[in-house]
Structure formats: C-alpha cells, structure tokens
Amino acid sequence: MEKIINQVEYFIILHFYFHINSLWQANKLFYLLIQQKYSNFAPLN
C-alpha cells in the first residue's frame, strides 16, 4: 500500500512539474510574440 501511495504522489508531482513548465514556456513565447509585435511600431528599437 505504501508503494502505491508513493507512486501516486510521484505522478502528481511530475504532472504539476510538466504543467507549470509548459505554462512557463507558453508565457515566454507569448511575451516574445508581443515584444516582436510592438517593436514593429517602435522604429527606435
């Protein structure tokens, strides 16, 4: 029983890690896209 609980905990931690990681990656991409979009309007950059 102890082993099963540890496995479940491990999978939950792994799931959250990948979820947060992919969210961060998506935010980075979104930020870069917005940065590019607004740099087109600012010829000083």
N, C-alpha and C. Protein backbone atom coordinates (compact mmCIF):
# COMPACT_ATOMS: atom_id res chain seq x y z
N MET A 1 0.84 -1.21 0.00
CA MET A 1 0.00 0.00 0.00
C MET A 1 0.87 1.25 0.00
N GLU A 2 1.91 1.24 0.80
CA GLU A 2 2.83 2.38 0.88
C GLU A 2 3.44 2.69 -0.49
N LYS A 3 3.81 1.64 -1.20
CA LYS A 3 4.42 1.80 -2.52
C LYS A 3 3.46 2.48 -3.50
N ILE A 4 2.20 2.07 -3.46
CA ILE A 4 1.19 2.63 -4.37
C ILE A 4 1.02 4.13 -4.10
N ILE A 5 0.94 4.50 -2.83
CA ILE A 5 0.77 5.90 -2.46
C ILE A 5 1.97 6.73 -2.94
N ASN A 6 3.16 6.20 -2.76
CA ASN A 6 4.35 6.91 -3.21
C ASN A 6 4.35 7.10 -4.73
N GLN A 7 3.90 6.09 -5.45
CA GLN A 7 3.82 6.19 -6.91
C GLN A 7 2.84 7.28 -7.32
N VAL A 8 1.70 7.32 -6.66
CA VAL A 8 0.68 8.32 -6.98
C VAL A 8 1.23 9.72 -6.71
N GLU A 9 1.88 9.89 -5.56
CA GLU A 9 2.49 11.17 -5.22
C GLU A 9 3.50 11.58 -6.29
N TYR A 10 4.31 10.62 -6.71
CA TYR A 10 5.33 10.88 -7.72
C TYR A 10 4.70 11.36 -9.02
N PHE A 11 3.62 10.69 -9.44
CA PHE A 11 2.97 11.08 -10.69
C PHE A 11 2.32 12.45 -10.59
N ILE A 12 1.75 12.75 -9.43
CA ILE A 12 1.13 14.07 -9.24
C ILE A 12 2.19 15.16 -9.32
N ILE A 13 3.33 14.95 -8.64
CA ILE A 13 4.42 15.93 -8.68
C ILE A 13 4.92 16.10 -10.10
N LEU A 14 5.10 14.98 -10.80
CA LEU A 14 5.57 15.02 -12.19
C LEU A 14 4.58 15.80 -13.06
N HIS A 15 3.29 15.52 -12.87
CA HIS A 15 2.25 16.19 -13.66
C HIS A 15 2.30 17.70 -13.44
N PHE A 16 2.38 18.12 -12.17
CA PHE A 16 2.43 19.54 -11.87
C PHE A 16 3.69 20.18 -12.43
N TYR A 17 4.81 19.46 -12.34
CA TYR A 17 6.07 19.99 -12.86
C TYR A 17 5.96 20.26 -14.35
N PHE A 18 5.43 19.28 -15.10
CA PHE A 18 5.33 19.46 -16.55
C PHE A 18 4.30 20.52 -16.90
N HIS A 19 3.22 20.58 -16.13
CA HIS A 19 2.17 21.57 -16.39
C HIS A 19 2.72 22.98 -16.20
N ILE A 20 3.42 23.20 -15.08
CA ILE A 20 3.99 24.52 -14.80
C ILE A 20 5.06 24.85 -15.83
N ASN A 21 5.87 23.86 -16.18
CA ASN A 21 6.93 24.06 -17.16
C ASN A 21 6.36 24.47 -18.51
N SER A 22 5.31 23.80 -18.97
CA SER A 22 4.72 24.12 -20.27
C SER A 22 4.03 25.48 -20.22
N LEU A 23 3.41 25.82 -19.07
CA LEU A 23 2.81 27.15 -18.92
C LEU A 23 3.88 28.23 -19.04
N TRP A 24 5.02 28.01 -18.39
CA TRP A 24 6.11 28.98 -18.44
C TRP A 24 6.62 29.14 -19.87
N GLN A 25 6.77 28.03 -20.58
CA GLN A 25 7.22 28.07 -21.97
C GLN A 25 6.23 28.86 -22.82
N ALA A 26 4.93 28.62 -22.62
CA ALA A 26 3.89 29.30 -23.39
C ALA A 26 3.92 30.80 -23.09
N ASN A 27 4.08 31.17 -21.82
CA ASN A 27 4.16 32.58 -21.46
C ASN A 27 5.36 33.24 -22.09
N LYS A 28 6.49 32.53 -22.14
CA LYS A 28 7.70 33.08 -22.75
C LYS A 28 7.47 33.35 -24.23
N LEU A 29 6.85 32.37 -24.91
CA LEU A 29 6.55 32.53 -26.33
C LEU A 29 5.61 33.70 -26.55
N PHE A 30 4.56 33.79 -25.73
CA PHE A 30 3.58 34.85 -25.83
C PHE A 30 4.25 36.21 -25.63
N TYR A 31 5.11 36.29 -24.63
CA TYR A 31 5.84 37.53 -24.36
C TYR A 31 6.72 37.93 -25.55
N LEU A 32 7.42 36.95 -26.12
CA LEU A 32 8.27 37.22 -27.27
C LEU A 32 7.45 37.69 -28.46
N LEU A 33 6.29 37.08 -28.68
CA LEU A 33 5.41 37.48 -29.79
C LEU A 33 4.95 38.93 -29.61
N ILE A 34 4.51 39.26 -28.39
CA ILE A 34 4.06 40.63 -28.11
C ILE A 34 5.21 41.62 -28.28
N GLN A 35 6.38 41.23 -27.80
CA GLN A 35 7.56 42.08 -27.92
C GLN A 35 7.85 42.38 -29.39
N GLN A 36 7.79 41.33 -30.21
CA GLN A 36 8.03 41.49 -31.64
C GLN A 36 6.98 42.39 -32.26
N LYS A 37 5.73 42.19 -31.90
CA LYS A 37 4.62 42.96 -32.47
C LYS A 37 4.80 44.44 -32.17
N TYR A 38 5.16 44.76 -30.93
CA TYR A 38 5.29 46.16 -30.56
C TYR A 38 6.61 46.78 -31.01
N SER A 39 7.61 45.95 -31.26
CA SER A 39 8.87 46.50 -31.75
C SER A 39 8.70 46.98 -33.20
N ASN A 40 7.70 46.44 -33.91
CA ASN A 40 7.41 46.90 -35.26
C ASN A 40 6.88 48.34 -35.26
N PHE A 41 6.18 48.71 -34.18
CA PHE A 41 5.61 50.05 -34.08
C PHE A 41 6.60 51.06 -33.54
N ALA A 42 7.72 50.57 -33.00
CA ALA A 42 8.73 51.47 -32.43
C ALA A 42 10.02 51.38 -33.25
N PRO A 43 10.19 52.28 -34.22
CA PRO A 43 11.38 52.22 -35.07
C PRO A 43 12.68 52.54 -34.33
N LEU A 44 12.57 53.06 -33.11
CA LEU A 44 13.78 53.39 -32.34
C LEU A 44 14.49 52.15 -31.84
N ASN A 45 13.76 51.03 -31.71
CA ASN A 45 14.36 49.80 -31.17
C ASN A 45 15.34 49.18 -32.14
